[in-house]
Full PDB file with SEQRES, HELIX, SHEET, SSBOND, CRYST1, ORIGX, SCALE, CONECT and MASTER records, all heavy atoms in Angstrom:
SEQRES   1 A   33  GLN ALA PRO GLU LYS GLU ARG GLU LEU VAL ALA THR LEU          
SEQRES   2 A   33  THR THR GLY ASP SER THR ASN TYR ALA ASP SER VAL LYS          
SEQRES   3 A   33  GLY ARG PHE THR ILE SER ARG                                  
SHEET    1 AA1 2 ALA A  11  LEU A  13  0                                        
SHEET    2 AA1 2 THR A  19  TYR A  21 -1                                        
CRYST1    1.000    1.000    1.000  90.00  90.00  90.00 P 1           1          
ORIGX1      1.000000  0.000000  0.000000        0.00000                         
ORIGX2      0.000000  1.000000  0.000000        0.00000                         
ORIGX3      0.000000  0.000000  1.000000        0.00000                         
SCALE1      1.000000  0.000000  0.000000        0.00000                         
SCALE2      0.000000  1.000000  0.000000        0.00000                         
SCALE3      0.000000  0.000000  1.000000        0.00000                         
ATOM      1  N   GLN A   1      18.955   0.045 -16.321  1.00  0.00           N  
ATOM      2  CA  GLN A   1      18.673   1.150 -17.221  1.00  0.00           C  
ATOM      3  C   GLN A   1      19.391   0.904 -18.539  1.00  0.00           C  
ATOM      4  O   GLN A   1      20.627   0.841 -18.578  1.00  0.00           O  
ATOM      5  CB  GLN A   1      19.114   2.482 -16.611  1.00  0.00           C  
ATOM      6  CG  GLN A   1      18.692   3.685 -17.428  1.00  0.00           C  
ATOM      7  CD  GLN A   1      18.835   4.984 -16.660  1.00  0.00           C  
ATOM      8  OE1 GLN A   1      19.524   5.060 -15.641  1.00  0.00           O  
ATOM      9  NE2 GLN A   1      18.161   6.022 -17.118  1.00  0.00           N  
ATOM     10  N   ALA A   2      18.608   0.771 -19.596  1.00  0.00           N  
ATOM     11  CA  ALA A   2      19.158   0.614 -20.936  1.00  0.00           C  
ATOM     12  C   ALA A   2      19.324   1.991 -21.569  1.00  0.00           C  
ATOM     13  O   ALA A   2      18.692   2.962 -21.113  1.00  0.00           O  
ATOM     14  CB  ALA A   2      18.233  -0.255 -21.771  1.00  0.00           C  
ATOM     15  N   PRO A   3      20.150   2.095 -22.586  1.00  0.00           N  
ATOM     16  CA  PRO A   3      20.357   3.400 -23.233  1.00  0.00           C  
ATOM     17  C   PRO A   3      19.041   4.019 -23.689  1.00  0.00           C  
ATOM     18  O   PRO A   3      18.200   3.341 -24.277  1.00  0.00           O  
ATOM     19  CB  PRO A   3      21.256   3.061 -24.428  1.00  0.00           C  
ATOM     20  CG  PRO A   3      21.989   1.841 -24.001  1.00  0.00           C  
ATOM     21  CD  PRO A   3      21.011   1.054 -23.176  1.00  0.00           C  
ATOM     22  N   GLU A   4      18.863   5.282 -23.363  1.00  0.00           N  
ATOM     23  CA  GLU A   4      17.698   6.059 -23.764  1.00  0.00           C  
ATOM     24  C   GLU A   4      16.396   5.533 -23.167  1.00  0.00           C  
ATOM     25  O   GLU A   4      15.311   5.839 -23.673  1.00  0.00           O  
ATOM     26  CB  GLU A   4      17.597   6.153 -25.280  1.00  0.00           C  
ATOM     27  CG  GLU A   4      18.835   6.788 -25.926  1.00  0.00           C  
ATOM     28  CD  GLU A   4      18.714   6.922 -27.421  1.00  0.00           C  
ATOM     29  OE1 GLU A   4      17.698   6.473 -27.975  1.00  0.00           O  
ATOM     30  OE2 GLU A   4      19.637   7.479 -28.030  1.00  0.00           O  
ATOM     31  N   LYS A   5      16.488   4.758 -22.122  1.00  0.00           N  
ATOM     32  CA  LYS A   5      15.294   4.270 -21.430  1.00  0.00           C  
ATOM     33  C   LYS A   5      15.360   4.643 -19.959  1.00  0.00           C  
ATOM     34  O   LYS A   5      16.428   4.926 -19.427  1.00  0.00           O  
ATOM     35  CB  LYS A   5      15.152   2.755 -21.590  1.00  0.00           C  
ATOM     36  CG  LYS A   5      14.832   2.304 -22.996  1.00  0.00           C  
ATOM     37  CD  LYS A   5      14.513   0.825 -23.030  1.00  0.00           C  
ATOM     38  CE  LYS A   5      14.099   0.376 -24.424  1.00  0.00           C  
ATOM     39  NZ  LYS A   5      13.754  -1.072 -24.460  1.00  0.00           N  
ATOM     40  N   GLU A   6      14.189   4.616 -19.321  1.00  0.00           N  
ATOM     41  CA  GLU A   6      14.145   4.927 -17.894  1.00  0.00           C  
ATOM     42  C   GLU A   6      14.623   3.714 -17.076  1.00  0.00           C  
ATOM     43  O   GLU A   6      14.534   2.575 -17.527  1.00  0.00           O  
ATOM     44  CB  GLU A   6      12.721   5.310 -17.488  1.00  0.00           C  
ATOM     45  CG  GLU A   6      12.240   6.606 -18.103  1.00  0.00           C  
ATOM     46  CD  GLU A   6      10.898   7.048 -17.549  1.00  0.00           C  
ATOM     47  OE1 GLU A   6      10.286   6.285 -16.771  1.00  0.00           O  
ATOM     48  OE2 GLU A   6      10.456   8.160 -17.892  1.00  0.00           O  
ATOM     49  N   ARG A   7      15.082   4.023 -15.867  1.00  0.00           N  
ATOM     50  CA  ARG A   7      15.473   2.953 -14.971  1.00  0.00           C  
ATOM     51  C   ARG A   7      14.238   2.158 -14.570  1.00  0.00           C  
ATOM     52  O   ARG A   7      13.195   2.724 -14.257  1.00  0.00           O  
ATOM     53  CB  ARG A   7      16.160   3.525 -13.728  1.00  0.00           C  
ATOM     54  CG  ARG A   7      16.843   2.505 -12.847  1.00  0.00           C  
ATOM     55  CD  ARG A   7      17.659   3.161 -11.755  1.00  0.00           C  
ATOM     56  NE  ARG A   7      18.758   3.958 -12.292  1.00  0.00           N  
ATOM     57  CZ  ARG A   7      19.714   4.507 -11.541  1.00  0.00           C  
ATOM     58  NH1 ARG A   7      19.690   4.328 -10.220  1.00  0.00           N  
ATOM     59  NH2 ARG A   7      20.654   5.228 -12.092  1.00  0.00           N  
ATOM     60  N   GLU A   8      14.356   0.834 -14.568  1.00  0.00           N  
ATOM     61  CA  GLU A   8      13.216  -0.004 -14.256  1.00  0.00           C  
ATOM     62  C   GLU A   8      13.582  -1.069 -13.216  1.00  0.00           C  
ATOM     63  O   GLU A   8      14.736  -1.509 -13.122  1.00  0.00           O  
ATOM     64  CB  GLU A   8      12.696  -0.712 -15.516  1.00  0.00           C  
ATOM     65  CG  GLU A   8      13.679  -1.662 -16.165  1.00  0.00           C  
ATOM     66  CD  GLU A   8      13.084  -2.398 -17.344  1.00  0.00           C  
ATOM     67  OE1 GLU A   8      11.923  -2.137 -17.722  1.00  0.00           O  
ATOM     68  OE2 GLU A   8      13.789  -3.260 -17.906  1.00  0.00           O  
ATOM     69  N   LEU A   9      12.570  -1.480 -12.471  1.00  0.00           N  
ATOM     70  CA  LEU A   9      12.753  -2.515 -11.462  1.00  0.00           C  
ATOM     71  C   LEU A   9      13.004  -3.848 -12.135  1.00  0.00           C  
ATOM     72  O   LEU A   9      12.354  -4.188 -13.132  1.00  0.00           O  
ATOM     73  CB  LEU A   9      11.511  -2.596 -10.581  1.00  0.00           C  
ATOM     74  CG  LEU A   9      11.498  -3.650  -9.473  1.00  0.00           C  
ATOM     75  CD1 LEU A   9      10.707  -3.124  -8.275  1.00  0.00           C  
ATOM     76  CD2 LEU A   9      10.894  -4.952  -9.944  1.00  0.00           C  
ATOM     77  N   VAL A  10      13.953  -4.605 -11.586  1.00  0.00           N  
ATOM     78  CA  VAL A  10      14.211  -5.970 -12.039  1.00  0.00           C  
ATOM     79  C   VAL A  10      13.705  -6.951 -10.986  1.00  0.00           C  
ATOM     80  O   VAL A  10      12.912  -7.837 -11.279  1.00  0.00           O  
ATOM     81  CB  VAL A  10      15.706  -6.198 -12.305  1.00  0.00           C  
ATOM     82  CG1 VAL A  10      15.966  -7.648 -12.689  1.00  0.00           C  
ATOM     83  CG2 VAL A  10      16.213  -5.250 -13.391  1.00  0.00           C  
ATOM     84  N   ALA A  11      14.189  -6.789  -9.749  1.00  0.00           N  
ATOM     85  CA  ALA A  11      13.793  -7.710  -8.680  1.00  0.00           C  
ATOM     86  C   ALA A  11      14.067  -7.065  -7.336  1.00  0.00           C  
ATOM     87  O   ALA A  11      15.043  -6.316  -7.190  1.00  0.00           O  
ATOM     88  CB  ALA A  11      14.555  -9.029  -8.789  1.00  0.00           C  
ATOM     89  N   THR A  12      13.214  -7.366  -6.357  1.00  0.00           N  
ATOM     90  CA  THR A  12      13.441  -6.889  -4.996  1.00  0.00           C  
ATOM     91  C   THR A  12      13.223  -8.029  -4.007  1.00  0.00           C  
ATOM     92  O   THR A  12      12.511  -9.005  -4.289  1.00  0.00           O  
ATOM     93  CB  THR A  12      12.506  -5.722  -4.632  1.00  0.00           C  
ATOM     94  OG1 THR A  12      11.152  -6.157  -4.740  1.00  0.00           O  
ATOM     95  CG2 THR A  12      12.755  -4.515  -5.511  1.00  0.00           C  
ATOM     96  N   LEU A  13      13.847  -7.871  -2.838  1.00  0.00           N  
ATOM     97  CA  LEU A  13      13.765  -8.873  -1.765  1.00  0.00           C  
ATOM     98  C   LEU A  13      13.672  -8.132  -0.447  1.00  0.00           C  
ATOM     99  O   LEU A  13      14.527  -7.289  -0.153  1.00  0.00           O  
ATOM    100  CB  LEU A  13      15.011  -9.760  -1.795  1.00  0.00           C  
ATOM    101  CG  LEU A  13      15.201 -10.767  -0.668  1.00  0.00           C  
ATOM    102  CD1 LEU A  13      14.091 -11.813  -0.685  1.00  0.00           C  
ATOM    103  CD2 LEU A  13      16.566 -11.441  -0.789  1.00  0.00           C  
ATOM    104  N   THR A  14      12.646  -8.425   0.338  1.00  0.00           N  
ATOM    105  CA  THR A  14      12.485  -7.755   1.631  1.00  0.00           C  
ATOM    106  C   THR A  14      13.087  -8.603   2.748  1.00  0.00           C  
ATOM    107  O   THR A  14      13.394  -9.779   2.568  1.00  0.00           O  
ATOM    108  CB  THR A  14      11.013  -7.504   1.944  1.00  0.00           C  
ATOM    109  OG1 THR A  14      10.381  -8.757   2.238  1.00  0.00           O  
ATOM    110  CG2 THR A  14      10.299  -6.816   0.792  1.00  0.00           C  
ATOM    111  N   THR A  15      13.199  -7.982   3.936  1.00  0.00           N  
ATOM    112  CA  THR A  15      13.719  -8.727   5.082  1.00  0.00           C  
ATOM    113  C   THR A  15      12.778  -9.852   5.467  1.00  0.00           C  
ATOM    114  O   THR A  15      13.193 -10.800   6.127  1.00  0.00           O  
ATOM    115  CB  THR A  15      13.933  -7.792   6.275  1.00  0.00           C  
ATOM    116  OG1 THR A  15      12.731  -7.051   6.522  1.00  0.00           O  
ATOM    117  CG2 THR A  15      15.080  -6.823   6.005  1.00  0.00           C  
ATOM    118  N   GLY A  16      11.520  -9.743   5.062  1.00  0.00           N  
ATOM    119  CA  GLY A  16      10.564 -10.816   5.310  1.00  0.00           C  
ATOM    120  C   GLY A  16      10.567 -11.878   4.231  1.00  0.00           C  
ATOM    121  O   GLY A  16       9.673 -12.736   4.193  1.00  0.00           O  
ATOM    122  N   ASP A  17      11.541 -11.817   3.333  1.00  0.00           N  
ATOM    123  CA  ASP A  17      11.719 -12.792   2.255  1.00  0.00           C  
ATOM    124  C   ASP A  17      10.669 -12.709   1.153  1.00  0.00           C  
ATOM    125  O   ASP A  17      10.497 -13.666   0.390  1.00  0.00           O  
ATOM    126  CB  ASP A  17      11.787 -14.228   2.785  1.00  0.00           C  
ATOM    127  CG  ASP A  17      13.066 -14.506   3.545  1.00  0.00           C  
ATOM    128  OD1 ASP A  17      14.080 -13.846   3.247  1.00  0.00           O  
ATOM    129  OD2 ASP A  17      13.047 -15.358   4.444  1.00  0.00           O  
ATOM    130  N   SER A  18       9.974 -11.604   1.070  1.00  0.00           N  
ATOM    131  CA  SER A  18       9.066 -11.403  -0.058  1.00  0.00           C  
ATOM    132  C   SER A  18       9.874 -10.961  -1.271  1.00  0.00           C  
ATOM    133  O   SER A  18      10.759 -10.114  -1.149  1.00  0.00           O  
ATOM    134  CB  SER A  18       8.024 -10.343   0.284  1.00  0.00           C  
ATOM    135  OG  SER A  18       7.179 -10.789   1.306  1.00  0.00           O  
ATOM    136  N   THR A  19       9.543 -11.511  -2.419  1.00  0.00           N  
ATOM    137  CA  THR A  19      10.233 -11.143  -3.646  1.00  0.00           C  
ATOM    138  C   THR A  19       9.246 -10.559  -4.657  1.00  0.00           C  
ATOM    139  O   THR A  19       8.051 -10.847  -4.622  1.00  0.00           O  
ATOM    140  CB  THR A  19      10.929 -12.357  -4.290  1.00  0.00           C  
ATOM    141  OG1 THR A  19       9.955 -13.379  -4.530  1.00  0.00           O  
ATOM    142  CG2 THR A  19      12.028 -12.891  -3.398  1.00  0.00           C  
ATOM    143  N   ASN A  20       9.800  -9.738  -5.519  1.00  0.00           N  
ATOM    144  CA  ASN A  20       9.008  -9.143  -6.587  1.00  0.00           C  
ATOM    145  C   ASN A  20       9.892  -9.081  -7.829  1.00  0.00           C  
ATOM    146  O   ASN A  20      11.057  -8.656  -7.739  1.00  0.00           O  
ATOM    147  CB  ASN A  20       8.551  -7.740  -6.194  1.00  0.00           C  
ATOM    148  CG  ASN A  20       7.656  -7.107  -7.236  1.00  0.00           C  
ATOM    149  OD1 ASN A  20       6.839  -7.787  -7.857  1.00  0.00           O  
ATOM    150  ND2 ASN A  20       7.790  -5.810  -7.443  1.00  0.00           N  
ATOM    151  N   TYR A  21       9.362  -9.522  -8.948  1.00  0.00           N  
ATOM    152  CA  TYR A  21      10.127  -9.551 -10.187  1.00  0.00           C  
ATOM    153  C   TYR A  21       9.374  -8.826 -11.296  1.00  0.00           C  
ATOM    154  O   TYR A  21       8.143  -8.894 -11.368  1.00  0.00           O  
ATOM    155  CB  TYR A  21      10.371 -10.991 -10.655  1.00  0.00           C  
ATOM    156  CG  TYR A  21      11.267 -11.800  -9.763  1.00  0.00           C  
ATOM    157  CD1 TYR A  21      10.740 -12.604  -8.762  1.00  0.00           C  
ATOM    158  CD2 TYR A  21      12.650 -11.785  -9.935  1.00  0.00           C  
ATOM    159  CE1 TYR A  21      11.564 -13.361  -7.936  1.00  0.00           C  
ATOM    160  CE2 TYR A  21      13.482 -12.543  -9.131  1.00  0.00           C  
ATOM    161  CZ  TYR A  21      12.935 -13.328  -8.130  1.00  0.00           C  
ATOM    162  OH  TYR A  21      13.760 -14.080  -7.333  1.00  0.00           O  
ATOM    163  N   ALA A  22      10.130  -8.201 -12.173  1.00  0.00           N  
ATOM    164  CA  ALA A  22       9.535  -7.666 -13.390  1.00  0.00           C  
ATOM    165  C   ALA A  22       9.027  -8.837 -14.232  1.00  0.00           C  
ATOM    166  O   ALA A  22       9.654  -9.905 -14.247  1.00  0.00           O  
ATOM    167  CB  ALA A  22      10.570  -6.862 -14.173  1.00  0.00           C  
ATOM    168  N   ASP A  23       7.920  -8.631 -14.921  1.00  0.00           N  
ATOM    169  CA  ASP A  23       7.362  -9.704 -15.745  1.00  0.00           C  
ATOM    170  C   ASP A  23       8.374 -10.210 -16.769  1.00  0.00           C  
ATOM    171  O   ASP A  23       8.407 -11.393 -17.092  1.00  0.00           O  
ATOM    172  CB  ASP A  23       6.102  -9.216 -16.466  1.00  0.00           C  
ATOM    173  CG  ASP A  23       4.928  -9.049 -15.518  1.00  0.00           C  
ATOM    174  OD1 ASP A  23       4.963  -9.607 -14.406  1.00  0.00           O  
ATOM    175  OD2 ASP A  23       3.967  -8.355 -15.892  1.00  0.00           O  
ATOM    176  N   SER A  24       9.191  -9.318 -17.260  1.00  0.00           N  
ATOM    177  CA  SER A  24      10.137  -9.675 -18.319  1.00  0.00           C  
ATOM    178  C   SER A  24      11.246 -10.616 -17.864  1.00  0.00           C  
ATOM    179  O   SER A  24      11.934 -11.216 -18.693  1.00  0.00           O  
ATOM    180  CB  SER A  24      10.759  -8.403 -18.905  1.00  0.00           C  
ATOM    181  OG  SER A  24      11.448  -7.678 -17.905  1.00  0.00           O  
ATOM    182  N   VAL A  25      11.444 -10.745 -16.542  1.00  0.00           N  
ATOM    183  CA  VAL A  25      12.534 -11.601 -16.040  1.00  0.00           C  
ATOM    184  C   VAL A  25      12.038 -12.785 -15.228  1.00  0.00           C  
ATOM    185  O   VAL A  25      12.844 -13.626 -14.815  1.00  0.00           O  
ATOM    186  CB  VAL A  25      13.547 -10.778 -15.210  1.00  0.00           C  
ATOM    187  CG1 VAL A  25      14.044  -9.569 -16.000  1.00  0.00           C  
ATOM    188  CG2 VAL A  25      12.976 -10.364 -13.863  1.00  0.00           C  
ATOM    189  N   LYS A  26      10.738 -12.851 -14.975  1.00  0.00           N  
ATOM    190  CA  LYS A  26      10.197 -13.960 -14.181  1.00  0.00           C  
ATOM    191  C   LYS A  26      10.542 -15.298 -14.827  1.00  0.00           C  
ATOM    192  O   LYS A  26      10.406 -15.474 -16.034  1.00  0.00           O  
ATOM    193  CB  LYS A  26       8.681 -13.817 -14.049  1.00  0.00           C  
ATOM    194  CG  LYS A  26       8.245 -12.764 -13.055  1.00  0.00           C  
ATOM    195  CD  LYS A  26       6.720 -12.674 -12.969  1.00  0.00           C  
ATOM    196  CE  LYS A  26       6.286 -11.617 -11.970  1.00  0.00           C  
ATOM    197  NZ  LYS A  26       4.812 -11.464 -11.924  1.00  0.00           N  
ATOM    198  N   GLY A  27      11.006 -16.220 -13.980  1.00  0.00           N  
ATOM    199  CA  GLY A  27      11.386 -17.544 -14.475  1.00  0.00           C  
ATOM    200  C   GLY A  27      12.810 -17.621 -14.989  1.00  0.00           C  
ATOM    201  O   GLY A  27      13.317 -18.714 -15.238  1.00  0.00           O  
ATOM    202  N   ARG A  28      13.445 -16.465 -15.148  1.00  0.00           N  
ATOM    203  CA  ARG A  28      14.827 -16.453 -15.643  1.00  0.00           C  
ATOM    204  C   ARG A  28      15.807 -15.897 -14.609  1.00  0.00           C  
ATOM    205  O   ARG A  28      16.949 -16.352 -14.543  1.00  0.00           O  
ATOM    206  CB  ARG A  28      14.930 -15.605 -16.917  1.00  0.00           C  
ATOM    207  CG  ARG A  28      14.071 -16.085 -18.058  1.00  0.00           C  
ATOM    208  CD  ARG A  28      14.382 -15.328 -19.345  1.00  0.00           C  
ATOM    209  NE  ARG A  28      14.097 -13.902 -19.249  1.00  0.00           N  
ATOM    210  CZ  ARG A  28      14.992 -12.936 -19.459  1.00  0.00           C  
ATOM    211  NH1 ARG A  28      16.239 -13.257 -19.784  1.00  0.00           N  
ATOM    212  NH2 ARG A  28      14.638 -11.660 -19.361  1.00  0.00           N  
ATOM    213  N   PHE A  29      15.382 -14.916 -13.822  1.00  0.00           N  
ATOM    214  CA  PHE A  29      16.251 -14.275 -12.832  1.00  0.00           C  
ATOM    215  C   PHE A  29      15.810 -14.679 -11.430  1.00  0.00           C  
ATOM    216  O   PHE A  29      14.617 -14.870 -11.165  1.00  0.00           O  
ATOM    217  CB  PHE A  29      16.160 -12.756 -12.944  1.00  0.00           C  
ATOM    218  CG  PHE A  29      16.760 -12.169 -14.197  1.00  0.00           C  
ATOM    219  CD1 PHE A  29      17.166 -12.954 -15.263  1.00  0.00           C  
ATOM    220  CD2 PHE A  29      16.927 -10.790 -14.300  1.00  0.00           C  
ATOM    221  CE1 PHE A  29      17.713 -12.390 -16.403  1.00  0.00           C  
ATOM    222  CE2 PHE A  29      17.466 -10.216 -15.436  1.00  0.00           C  
ATOM    223  CZ  PHE A  29      17.851 -11.027 -16.487  1.00  0.00           C  
ATOM    224  N   THR A  30      16.792 -14.761 -10.520  1.00  0.00           N  
ATOM    225  CA  THR A  30      16.496 -15.065  -9.126  1.00  0.00           C  
ATOM    226  C   THR A  30      17.309 -14.167  -8.225  1.00  0.00           C  
ATOM    227  O   THR A  30      18.534 -14.069  -8.372  1.00  0.00           O  
ATOM    228  CB  THR A  30      16.834 -16.531  -8.793  1.00  0.00           C  
ATOM    229  OG1 THR A  30      16.105 -17.402  -9.669  1.00  0.00           O  
ATOM    230  CG2 THR A  30      16.462 -16.857  -7.351  1.00  0.00           C  
ATOM    231  N   ILE A  31      16.632 -13.504  -7.287  1.00  0.00           N  
ATOM    232  CA  ILE A  31      17.307 -12.667  -6.309  1.00  0.00           C  
ATOM    233  C   ILE A  31      17.463 -13.453  -5.018  1.00  0.00           C  
ATOM    234  O   ILE A  31      16.569 -14.213  -4.621  1.00  0.00           O  
ATOM    235  CB  ILE A  31      16.537 -11.351  -6.076  1.00  0.00           C  
ATOM    236  CG1 ILE A  31      17.352 -10.386  -5.213  1.00  0.00           C  
ATOM    237  CG2 ILE A  31      15.157 -11.594  -5.492  1.00  0.00           C  
ATOM    238  CD1 ILE A  31      16.767  -8.978  -5.136  1.00  0.00           C  
ATOM    239  N   SER A  32      18.620 -13.286  -4.374  1.00  0.00           N  
ATOM    240  CA  SER A  32      18.880 -13.998  -3.123  1.00  0.00           C  
ATOM    241  C   SER A  32      19.867 -13.185  -2.302  1.00  0.00           C  
ATOM    242  O   SER A  32      20.401 -12.172  -2.767  1.00  0.00           O  
ATOM    243  CB  SER A  32      19.435 -15.395  -3.392  1.00  0.00           C  
ATOM    244  OG  SER A  32      20.692 -15.317  -4.048  1.00  0.00           O  
ATOM    245  N   ARG A  33      20.112 -13.635  -1.080  1.00  0.00           N  
ATOM    246  CA  ARG A  33      21.066 -12.911  -0.234  1.00  0.00           C  
ATOM    247  C   ARG A  33      21.861 -13.889   0.608  1.00  0.00           C  
ATOM    248  O   ARG A  33      21.430 -15.008   0.879  1.00  0.00           O  
ATOM    249  CB  ARG A  33      20.349 -11.907   0.664  1.00  0.00           C  
ATOM    250  CG  ARG A  33      19.382 -12.528   1.642  1.00  0.00           C  
ATOM    251  CD  ARG A  33      18.841 -11.501   2.639  1.00  0.00           C  
ATOM    252  NE  ARG A  33      17.791 -12.107   3.453  1.00  0.00           N  
ATOM    253  CZ  ARG A  33      16.533 -11.705   3.450  1.00  0.00           C  
ATOM    254  NH1 ARG A  33      16.157 -10.679   2.703  1.00  0.00           N  
ATOM    255  NH2 ARG A  33      15.652 -12.305   4.209  1.00  0.00           N  
TER     256      ARG A  33                                                      
MASTER        0    0    0    0    2    0    0    6  255    1    0    3          
END                                                                             
């Protein structure tokens, strides 16, 4: 959440190892556990 903006999804990871990324971070951010 940036100032004066709504909270937005960045990345998620399920127990089945499915990932989802915001378009703005694809190729730059990686979620792992």
